[in-house]
PDB file of all heavy atoms in Angstrom:
ATOM      1  N   PHE A   1     191.585  44.042  43.098  1.00  0.00           N
ATOM      2  CA  PHE A   1     190.272  44.207  42.478  1.00  0.00           C
ATOM      3  C   PHE A   1     189.668  42.833  42.192  1.00  0.00           C
ATOM      4  O   PHE A   1     190.389  41.889  41.845  1.00  0.00           O
ATOM      5  CB  PHE A   1     190.380  44.963  41.162  1.00  0.00           C
ATOM      6  CG  PHE A   1     190.728  46.424  41.287  1.00  0.00           C
ATOM      7  CD1 PHE A   1     191.146  46.985  42.488  1.00  0.00           C
ATOM      8  CD2 PHE A   1     190.648  47.249  40.171  1.00  0.00           C
ATOM      9  CE1 PHE A   1     191.466  48.327  42.584  1.00  0.00           C
ATOM     10  CE2 PHE A   1     190.961  48.596  40.251  1.00  0.00           C
ATOM     11  CZ  PHE A   1     191.382  49.135  41.455  1.00  0.00           C
ATOM     12  N   THR A   2     188.347  42.757  42.280  1.00  0.00           N
ATOM     13  CA  THR A   2     187.626  41.529  41.946  1.00  0.00           C
ATOM     14  C   THR A   2     186.437  41.877  41.073  1.00  0.00           C
ATOM     15  O   THR A   2     185.631  42.733  41.435  1.00  0.00           O
ATOM     16  CB  THR A   2     187.134  40.819  43.214  1.00  0.00           C
ATOM     17  OG1 THR A   2     188.246  40.533  44.065  1.00  0.00           O
ATOM     18  CG2 THR A   2     186.441  39.510  42.841  1.00  0.00           C
ATOM     19  N   ILE A   3     186.347  41.210  39.928  1.00  0.00           N
ATOM     20  CA  ILE A   3     185.222  41.419  39.028  1.00  0.00           C
ATOM     21  C   ILE A   3     184.249  40.251  39.197  1.00  0.00           C
ATOM     22  O   ILE A   3     184.663  39.101  39.362  1.00  0.00           O
ATOM     23  CB  ILE A   3     185.685  41.552  37.563  1.00  0.00           C
ATOM     24  CG1 ILE A   3     184.539  41.965  36.649  1.00  0.00           C
ATOM     25  CG2 ILE A   3     186.366  40.289  37.074  1.00  0.00           C
ATOM     26  CD1 ILE A   3     184.990  42.321  35.228  1.00  0.00           C
ATOM     27  N   SER A   4     182.954  40.553  39.164  1.00  0.00           N
ATOM     28  CA  SER A   4     181.930  39.524  39.286  1.00  0.00           C
ATOM     29  C   SER A   4     180.706  39.979  38.503  1.00  0.00           C
ATOM     30  O   SER A   4     180.641  41.120  38.044  1.00  0.00           O
ATOM     31  CB  SER A   4     181.575  39.284  40.754  1.00  0.00           C
ATOM     32  OG  SER A   4     181.057  40.465  41.349  1.00  0.00           O
ATOM     33  N   ARG A   5     179.747  39.096  38.359  1.00  0.00           N
ATOM     34  CA  ARG A   5     178.538  39.458  37.632  1.00  0.00           C
ATOM     35  C   ARG A   5     177.350  38.691  38.185  1.00  0.00           C
ATOM     36  O   ARG A   5     177.494  37.596  38.731  1.00  0.00           O
ATOM     37  CB  ARG A   5     178.696  39.202  36.133  1.00  0.00           C
ATOM     38  CG  ARG A   5     178.837  37.764  35.736  1.00  0.00           C
ATOM     39  CD  ARG A   5     179.251  37.641  34.262  1.00  0.00           C
ATOM     40  NE  ARG A   5     178.224  38.161  33.376  1.00  0.00           N
ATOM     41  CZ  ARG A   5     178.462  38.513  32.105  1.00  0.00           C
ATOM     42  NH1 ARG A   5     179.674  38.393  31.599  1.00  0.00           N
ATOM     43  NH2 ARG A   5     177.482  38.968  31.351  1.00  0.00           N
ATOM     44  N   ASP A   6     176.178  39.294  38.004  1.00  0.00           N
ATOM     45  CA  ASP A   6     174.911  38.670  38.354  1.00  0.00           C
ATOM     46  C   ASP A   6     174.044  38.734  37.105  1.00  0.00           C
ATOM     47  O   ASP A   6     173.457  39.782  36.799  1.00  0.00           O
ATOM     48  CB  ASP A   6     174.260  39.412  39.528  1.00  0.00           C
ATOM     49  CG  ASP A   6     172.996  38.740  40.017  1.00  0.00           C
ATOM     50  OD1 ASP A   6     172.414  37.944  39.245  1.00  0.00           O
ATOM     51  OD2 ASP A   6     172.584  39.021  41.142  1.00  0.00           O
ATOM     52  N   ASN A   7     173.981  37.653  36.379  1.00  0.00           N
ATOM     53  CA  ASN A   7     173.245  37.659  35.110  1.00  0.00           C
ATOM     54  C   ASN A   7     171.745  37.817  35.324  1.00  0.00           C
ATOM     55  O   ASN A   7     171.043  38.289  34.426  1.00  0.00           O
ATOM     56  CB  ASN A   7     173.558  36.395  34.323  1.00  0.00           C
ATOM     57  CG  ASN A   7     174.936  36.450  33.693  1.00  0.00           C
ATOM     58  OD1 ASN A   7     175.538  37.526  33.573  1.00  0.00           O
ATOM     59  ND2 ASN A   7     175.468  35.303  33.300  1.00  0.00           N
ATOM     60  N   ALA A   8     171.253  37.436  36.465  1.00  0.00           N
ATOM     61  CA  ALA A   8     169.826  37.620  36.740  1.00  0.00           C
ATOM     62  C   ALA A   8     169.477  39.100  36.879  1.00  0.00           C
ATOM     63  O   ALA A   8     168.341  39.505  36.624  1.00  0.00           O
ATOM     64  CB  ALA A   8     169.438  36.876  38.011  1.00  0.00           C
ATOM     65  N   LYS A   9     170.468  39.904  37.256  1.00  0.00           N
ATOM     66  CA  LYS A   9     170.264  41.342  37.417  1.00  0.00           C
ATOM     67  C   LYS A   9     170.888  42.154  36.293  1.00  0.00           C
ATOM     68  O   LYS A   9     170.884  43.389  36.339  1.00  0.00           O
ATOM     69  CB  LYS A   9     170.846  41.811  38.759  1.00  0.00           C
ATOM     70  CG  LYS A   9     170.160  41.216  39.970  1.00  0.00           C
ATOM     71  CD  LYS A   9     170.746  41.755  41.265  1.00  0.00           C
ATOM     72  CE  LYS A   9     170.016  41.191  42.474  1.00  0.00           C
ATOM     73  NZ  LYS A   9     170.568  41.708  43.761  1.00  0.00           N
ATOM     74  N   ASN A  10     171.461  41.452  35.298  1.00  0.00           N
ATOM     75  CA  ASN A  10     172.111  42.137  34.179  1.00  0.00           C
ATOM     76  C   ASN A  10     173.138  43.157  34.672  1.00  0.00           C
ATOM     77  O   ASN A  10     173.232  44.278  34.138  1.00  0.00           O
ATOM     78  CB  ASN A  10     171.074  42.848  33.294  1.00  0.00           C
ATOM     79  CG  ASN A  10     170.266  41.885  32.462  1.00  0.00           C
ATOM     80  OD1 ASN A  10     170.550  40.680  32.434  1.00  0.00           O
ATOM     81  ND2 ASN A  10     169.258  42.392  31.800  1.00  0.00           N
ATOM     82  N   THR A  11     173.911  42.769  35.641  1.00  0.00           N
ATOM     83  CA  THR A  11     174.838  43.697  36.266  1.00  0.00           C
ATOM     84  C   THR A  11     176.203  43.033  36.461  1.00  0.00           C
ATOM     85  O   THR A  11     176.282  41.859  36.830  1.00  0.00           O
ATOM     86  CB  THR A  11     174.298  44.172  37.627  1.00  0.00           C
ATOM     87  OG1 THR A  11     173.026  44.793  37.435  1.00  0.00           O
ATOM     88  CG2 THR A  11     175.242  45.187  38.267  1.00  0.00           C
ATOM     89  N   VAL A  12     177.241  43.820  36.204  1.00  0.00           N
ATOM     90  CA  VAL A  12     178.604  43.389  36.496  1.00  0.00           C
ATOM     91  C   VAL A  12     179.162  44.318  37.568  1.00  0.00           C
ATOM     92  O   VAL A  12     178.840  45.517  37.591  1.00  0.00           O
ATOM     93  CB  VAL A  12     179.483  43.391  35.222  1.00  0.00           C
ATOM     94  CG1 VAL A  12     179.595  44.781  34.617  1.00  0.00           C
ATOM     95  CG2 VAL A  12     180.852  42.806  35.497  1.00  0.00           C
ATOM     96  N   TYR A  13     179.968  43.750  38.451  1.00  0.00           N
ATOM     97  CA  TYR A  13     180.491  44.497  39.583  1.00  0.00           C
ATOM     98  C   TYR A  13     182.019  44.471  39.569  1.00  0.00           C
ATOM     99  O   TYR A  13     182.647  43.580  38.988  1.00  0.00           O
ATOM    100  CB  TYR A  13     180.020  43.872  40.902  1.00  0.00           C
ATOM    101  CG  TYR A  13     178.534  43.737  41.030  1.00  0.00           C
ATOM    102  CD1 TYR A  13     177.896  42.530  40.732  1.00  0.00           C
ATOM    103  CD2 TYR A  13     177.752  44.812  41.462  1.00  0.00           C
ATOM    104  CE1 TYR A  13     176.527  42.399  40.852  1.00  0.00           C
ATOM    105  CE2 TYR A  13     176.371  44.681  41.590  1.00  0.00           C
ATOM    106  CZ  TYR A  13     175.772  43.475  41.284  1.00  0.00           C
ATOM    107  OH  TYR A  13     174.408  43.355  41.408  1.00  0.00           O
ATOM    108  N   ARG A  14     182.585  45.461  40.250  1.00  0.00           N
ATOM    109  CA  ARG A  14     184.003  45.383  40.526  1.00  0.00           C
ATOM    110  C   ARG A  14     184.264  45.885  41.932  1.00  0.00           C
ATOM    111  O   ARG A  14     183.997  47.045  42.252  1.00  0.00           O
ATOM    112  CB  ARG A  14     184.830  46.168  39.524  1.00  0.00           C
ATOM    113  CG  ARG A  14     186.304  45.764  39.655  1.00  0.00           C
ATOM    114  CD  ARG A  14     187.196  46.391  38.631  1.00  0.00           C
ATOM    115  NE  ARG A  14     187.391  47.787  38.918  1.00  0.00           N
ATOM    116  CZ  ARG A  14     186.792  48.738  38.243  1.00  0.00           C
ATOM    117  NH1 ARG A  14     185.973  48.455  37.267  1.00  0.00           N
ATOM    118  NH2 ARG A  14     187.011  49.987  38.545  1.00  0.00           N
ATOM    119  N   GLN A  15     184.749  45.011  42.751  1.00  0.00           N
ATOM    120  CA  GLN A  15     185.142  45.362  44.101  1.00  0.00           C
ATOM    121  C   GLN A  15     186.596  45.802  44.074  1.00  0.00           C
ATOM    122  O   GLN A  15     187.454  45.072  43.551  1.00  0.00           O
ATOM    123  CB  GLN A  15     184.969  44.156  45.034  1.00  0.00           C
ATOM    124  CG  GLN A  15     185.407  44.411  46.471  1.00  0.00           C
ATOM    125  CD  GLN A  15     184.495  45.397  47.189  1.00  0.00           C
ATOM    126  OE1 GLN A  15     183.284  45.387  46.988  1.00  0.00           O
ATOM    127  NE2 GLN A  15     185.077  46.246  48.027  1.00  0.00           N
ATOM    128  N   MET A  16     186.855  46.980  44.593  1.00  0.00           N
ATOM    129  CA  MET A  16     188.205  47.524  44.592  1.00  0.00           C
ATOM    130  C   MET A  16     188.651  47.727  46.031  1.00  0.00           C
ATOM    131  O   MET A  16     188.032  48.515  46.757  1.00  0.00           O
ATOM    132  CB  MET A  16     188.248  48.855  43.833  1.00  0.00           C
ATOM    133  CG  MET A  16     187.700  48.764  42.424  1.00  0.00           C
ATOM    134  SD  MET A  16     187.932  50.280  41.486  1.00  0.00           S
ATOM    135  CE  MET A  16     186.914  51.400  42.429  1.00  0.00           C
ATOM    136  N   ASN A  17     189.695  47.047  46.418  1.00  0.00           N
ATOM    137  CA  ASN A  17     190.250  47.151  47.768  1.00  0.00           C
ATOM    138  C   ASN A  17     191.666  47.715  47.708  1.00  0.00           C
ATOM    139  O   ASN A  17     192.295  47.730  46.655  1.00  0.00           O
ATOM    140  CB  ASN A  17     190.269  45.783  48.443  1.00  0.00           C
ATOM    141  CG  ASN A  17     188.882  45.187  48.597  1.00  0.00           C
ATOM    142  OD1 ASN A  17     187.893  45.896  48.807  1.00  0.00           O
ATOM    143  ND2 ASN A  17     188.791  43.867  48.497  1.00  0.00           N
ATOM    144  N   SER A  18     192.145  48.153  48.854  1.00  0.00           N
ATOM    145  CA  SER A  18     193.518  48.685  48.965  1.00  0.00           C
ATOM    146  C   SER A  18     193.788  49.712  47.875  1.00  0.00           C
ATOM    147  O   SER A  18     194.813  49.643  47.170  1.00  0.00           O
ATOM    148  CB  SER A  18     194.531  47.533  48.882  1.00  0.00           C
ATOM    149  OG  SER A  18     194.294  46.577  49.877  1.00  0.00           O
ATOM    150  N   LEU A  19     192.876  50.633  47.733  1.00  0.00           N
ATOM    151  CA  LEU A  19     193.000  51.618  46.659  1.00  0.00           C
ATOM    152  C   LEU A  19     194.215  52.508  46.846  1.00  0.00           C
ATOM    153  O   LEU A  19     194.600  52.852  47.968  1.00  0.00           O
ATOM    154  CB  LEU A  19     191.727  52.460  46.583  1.00  0.00           C
ATOM    155  CG  LEU A  19     190.543  51.751  45.928  1.00  0.00           C
ATOM    156  CD1 LEU A  19     189.236  52.433  46.256  1.00  0.00           C
ATOM    157  CD2 LEU A  19     190.742  51.688  44.416  1.00  0.00           C
ATOM    158  N   LYS A  20     194.795  52.878  45.716  1.00  0.00           N
ATOM    159  CA  LYS A  20     195.995  53.714  45.681  1.00  0.00           C
ATOM    160  C   LYS A  20     195.689  54.992  44.905  1.00  0.00           C
ATOM    161  O   LYS A  20     194.800  54.992  44.039  1.00  0.00           O
ATOM    162  CB  LYS A  20     197.137  52.971  44.994  1.00  0.00           C
ATOM    163  CG  LYS A  20     197.459  51.613  45.590  1.00  0.00           C
ATOM    164  CD  LYS A  20     198.517  50.913  44.773  1.00  0.00           C
ATOM    165  CE  LYS A  20     198.846  49.539  45.332  1.00  0.00           C
ATOM    166  NZ  LYS A  20     199.879  48.837  44.523  1.00  0.00           N
ATOM    167  N   PRO A  21     196.420  56.058  45.152  1.00  0.00           N
ATOM    168  CA  PRO A  21     196.192  57.289  44.371  1.00  0.00           C
ATOM    169  C   PRO A  21     196.292  57.066  42.865  1.00  0.00           C
ATOM    170  O   PRO A  21     195.568  57.701  42.091  1.00  0.00           O
ATOM    171  CB  PRO A  21     197.297  58.218  44.876  1.00  0.00           C
ATOM    172  CG  PRO A  21     197.531  57.768  46.273  1.00  0.00           C
ATOM    173  CD  PRO A  21     197.364  56.282  46.243  1.00  0.00           C
ATOM    174  N   GLU A  22     197.140  56.140  42.444  1.00  0.00           N
ATOM    175  CA  GLU A  22     197.282  55.879  41.010  1.00  0.00           C
ATOM    176  C   GLU A  22     196.084  55.149  40.421  1.00  0.00           C
ATOM    177  O   GLU A  22     196.006  54.955  39.204  1.00  0.00           O
ATOM    178  CB  GLU A  22     198.568  55.090  40.720  1.00  0.00           C
ATOM    179  CG  GLU A  22     198.767  53.849  41.559  1.00  0.00           C
ATOM    180  CD  GLU A  22     199.652  54.102  42.779  1.00  0.00           C
ATOM    181  OE1 GLU A  22     199.487  55.155  43.430  1.00  0.00           O
ATOM    182  OE2 GLU A  22     200.496  53.224  43.064  1.00  0.00           O
ATOM    183  N   ASP A  23     195.135  54.737  41.248  1.00  0.00           N
ATOM    184  CA  ASP A  23     193.885  54.168  40.748  1.00  0.00           C
ATOM    185  C   ASP A  23     192.885  55.251  40.354  1.00  0.00           C
ATOM    186  O   ASP A  23     191.821  54.933  39.814  1.00  0.00           O
ATOM    187  CB  ASP A  23     193.249  53.259  41.807  1.00  0.00           C
ATOM    188  CG  ASP A  23     194.064  52.022  42.096  1.00  0.00           C
ATOM    189  OD1 ASP A  23     194.602  51.421  41.152  1.00  0.00           O
ATOM    190  OD2 ASP A  23     194.158  51.645  43.293  1.00  0.00           O
ATOM    191  N   THR A  24     193.207  56.489  40.626  1.00  0.00           N
ATOM    192  CA  THR A  24     192.318  57.595  40.277  1.00  0.00           C
ATOM    193  C   THR A  24     192.109  57.635  38.767  1.00  0.00           C
ATOM    194  O   THR A  24     193.077  57.699  37.998  1.00  0.00           O
ATOM    195  CB  THR A  24     192.902  58.928  40.756  1.00  0.00           C
ATOM    196  OG1 THR A  24     192.943  58.932  42.191  1.00  0.00           O
ATOM    197  CG2 THR A  24     192.059  60.100  40.274  1.00  0.00           C
ATOM    198  N   ALA A  25     190.846  57.575  38.340  1.00  0.00           N
ATOM    199  CA  ALA A  25     190.518  57.536  36.912  1.00  0.00           C
ATOM    200  C   ALA A  25     189.006  57.518  36.759  1.00  0.00           C
ATOM    201  O   ALA A  25     188.265  57.345  37.731  1.00  0.00           O
ATOM    202  CB  ALA A  25     191.118  56.295  36.260  1.00  0.00           C
ATOM    203  N   VAL A  26     188.569  57.691  35.525  1.00  0.00           N
ATOM    204  CA  VAL A  26     187.189  57.395  35.164  1.00  0.00           C
ATOM    205  C   VAL A  26     187.144  55.927  34.753  1.00  0.00           C
ATOM    206  O   VAL A  26     187.934  55.492  33.919  1.00  0.00           O
ATOM    207  CB  VAL A  26     186.685  58.298  34.028  1.00  0.00           C
ATOM    208  CG1 VAL A  26     185.253  57.921  33.647  1.00  0.00           C
ATOM    209  CG2 VAL A  26     186.759  59.767  34.442  1.00  0.00           C
ATOM    210  N   TYR A  27     186.230  55.200  35.339  1.00  0.00           N
ATOM    211  CA  TYR A  27     186.114  53.768  35.079  1.00  0.00           C
ATOM    212  C   TYR A  27     184.918  53.489  34.179  1.00  0.00           C
ATOM    213  O   TYR A  27     183.815  54.012  34.412  1.00  0.00           O
ATOM    214  CB  TYR A  27     185.982  53.003  36.394  1.00  0.00           C
ATOM    215  CG  TYR A  27     187.284  52.889  37.139  1.00  0.00           C
ATOM    216  CD1 TYR A  27     187.821  53.979  37.820  1.00  0.00           C
ATOM    217  CD2 TYR A  27     188.010  51.699  37.138  1.00  0.00           C
ATOM    218  CE1 TYR A  27     189.041  53.884  38.470  1.00  0.00           C
ATOM    219  CE2 TYR A  27     189.227  51.595  37.799  1.00  0.00           C
ATOM    220  CZ  TYR A  27     189.737  52.691  38.462  1.00  0.00           C
ATOM    221  OH  TYR A  27     190.951  52.591  39.117  1.00  0.00           O
ATOM    222  N   TYR A  28     185.162  52.652  33.174  1.00  0.00           N
ATOM    223  CA  TYR A  28     184.151  52.332  32.174  1.00  0.00           C
ATOM    224  C   TYR A  28     183.921  50.821  32.115  1.00  0.00           C
ATOM    225  O   TYR A  28     184.884  50.048  32.180  1.00  0.00           O
ATOM    226  CB  TYR A  28     184.594  52.778  30.787  1.00  0.00           C
ATOM    227  CG  TYR A  28     184.860  54.253  30.644  1.00  0.00           C
ATOM    228  CD1 TYR A  28     186.122  54.772  30.911  1.00  0.00           C
ATOM    229  CD2 TYR A  28     183.858  55.115  30.217  1.00  0.00           C
ATOM    230  CE1 TYR A  28     186.373  56.130  30.771  1.00  0.00           C
ATOM    231  CE2 TYR A  28     184.105  56.476  30.063  1.00  0.00           C
ATOM    232  CZ  TYR A  28     185.357  56.975  30.348  1.00  0.00           C
ATOM    233  OH  TYR A  28     185.597  58.315  30.204  1.00  0.00           O
ATOM    234  N   CYS A  29     182.676  50.424  31.936  1.00  0.00           N
ATOM    235  CA  CYS A  29     182.412  49.024  31.604  1.00  0.00           C
ATOM    236  C   CYS A  29     182.078  48.955  30.116  1.00  0.00           C
ATOM    237  O   CYS A  29     181.681  49.949  29.501  1.00  0.00           O
ATOM    238  CB  CYS A  29     181.281  48.459  32.453  1.00  0.00           C
ATOM    239  SG  CYS A  29     179.670  49.213  32.198  1.00  0.00           S
ATOM    240  N   ALA A  30     182.255  47.772  29.564  1.00  0.00           N
ATOM    241  CA  ALA A  30     182.042  47.577  28.140  1.00  0.00           C
ATOM    242  C   ALA A  30     181.662  46.129  27.857  1.00  0.00           C
ATOM    243  O   ALA A  30     182.013  45.230  28.622  1.00  0.00           O
ATOM    244  CB  ALA A  30     183.306  47.951  27.361  1.00  0.00           C
ATOM    245  N   THR A  31     180.967  45.922  26.745  1.00  0.00           N
ATOM    246  CA  THR A  31     180.574  44.571  26.345  1.00  0.00           C
ATOM    247  C   THR A  31     181.429  44.091  25.177  1.00  0.00           C
ATOM    248  O   THR A  31     181.762  44.864  24.268  1.00  0.00           O
ATOM    249  CB  THR A  31     179.100  44.516  25.928  1.00  0.00           C
ATOM    250  OG1 THR A  31     178.913  45.327  24.767  1.00  0.00           O
ATOM    251  CG2 THR A  31     178.193  45.038  27.016  1.00  0.00           C
ATOM    252  N   ASP A  32     181.766  42.817  25.218  1.00  0.00           N
ATOM    253  CA  ASP A  32     182.480  42.188  24.114  1.00  0.00           C
ATOM    254  C   ASP A  32     181.627  42.286  22.845  1.00  0.00           C
ATOM    255  O   ASP A  32     180.406  42.302  22.903  1.00  0.00           O
ATOM    256  CB  ASP A  32     182.727  40.722  24.478  1.00  0.00           C
ATOM    257  CG  ASP A  32     183.767  40.045  23.602  1.00  0.00           C
ATOM    258  OD1 ASP A  32     183.703  40.216  22.372  1.00  0.00           O
ATOM    259  OD2 ASP A  32     184.610  39.334  24.156  1.00  0.00           O
ATOM    260  N   GLN A  33     182.286  42.322  21.700  1.00  0.00           N
ATOM    261  CA  GLN A  33     181.578  42.441  20.430  1.00  0.00           C
ATOM    262  C   GLN A  33     180.760  41.202  20.100  1.00  0.00           C
ATOM    263  O   GLN A  33     179.714  41.287  19.468  1.00  0.00           O
ATOM    264  CB  GLN A  33     182.580  42.667  19.294  1.00  0.00           C
ATOM    265  CG  GLN A  33     183.235  44.011  19.316  1.00  0.00           C
ATOM    266  CD  GLN A  33     184.233  44.148  18.185  1.00  0.00           C
ATOM    267  OE1 GLN A  33     184.764  43.172  17.680  1.00  0.00           O
ATOM    268  NE2 GLN A  33     184.499  45.377  17.785  1.00  0.00           N
TER     269      GLN A  33
END
């Protein structure tokens, strides 16, 4: 997995490669306090 961000677009990304069945989940983003 690779996390990145584009502050000009107010967006954070996560590229997920070589996915496995154990990666099955609901994925959430969150902001630091």
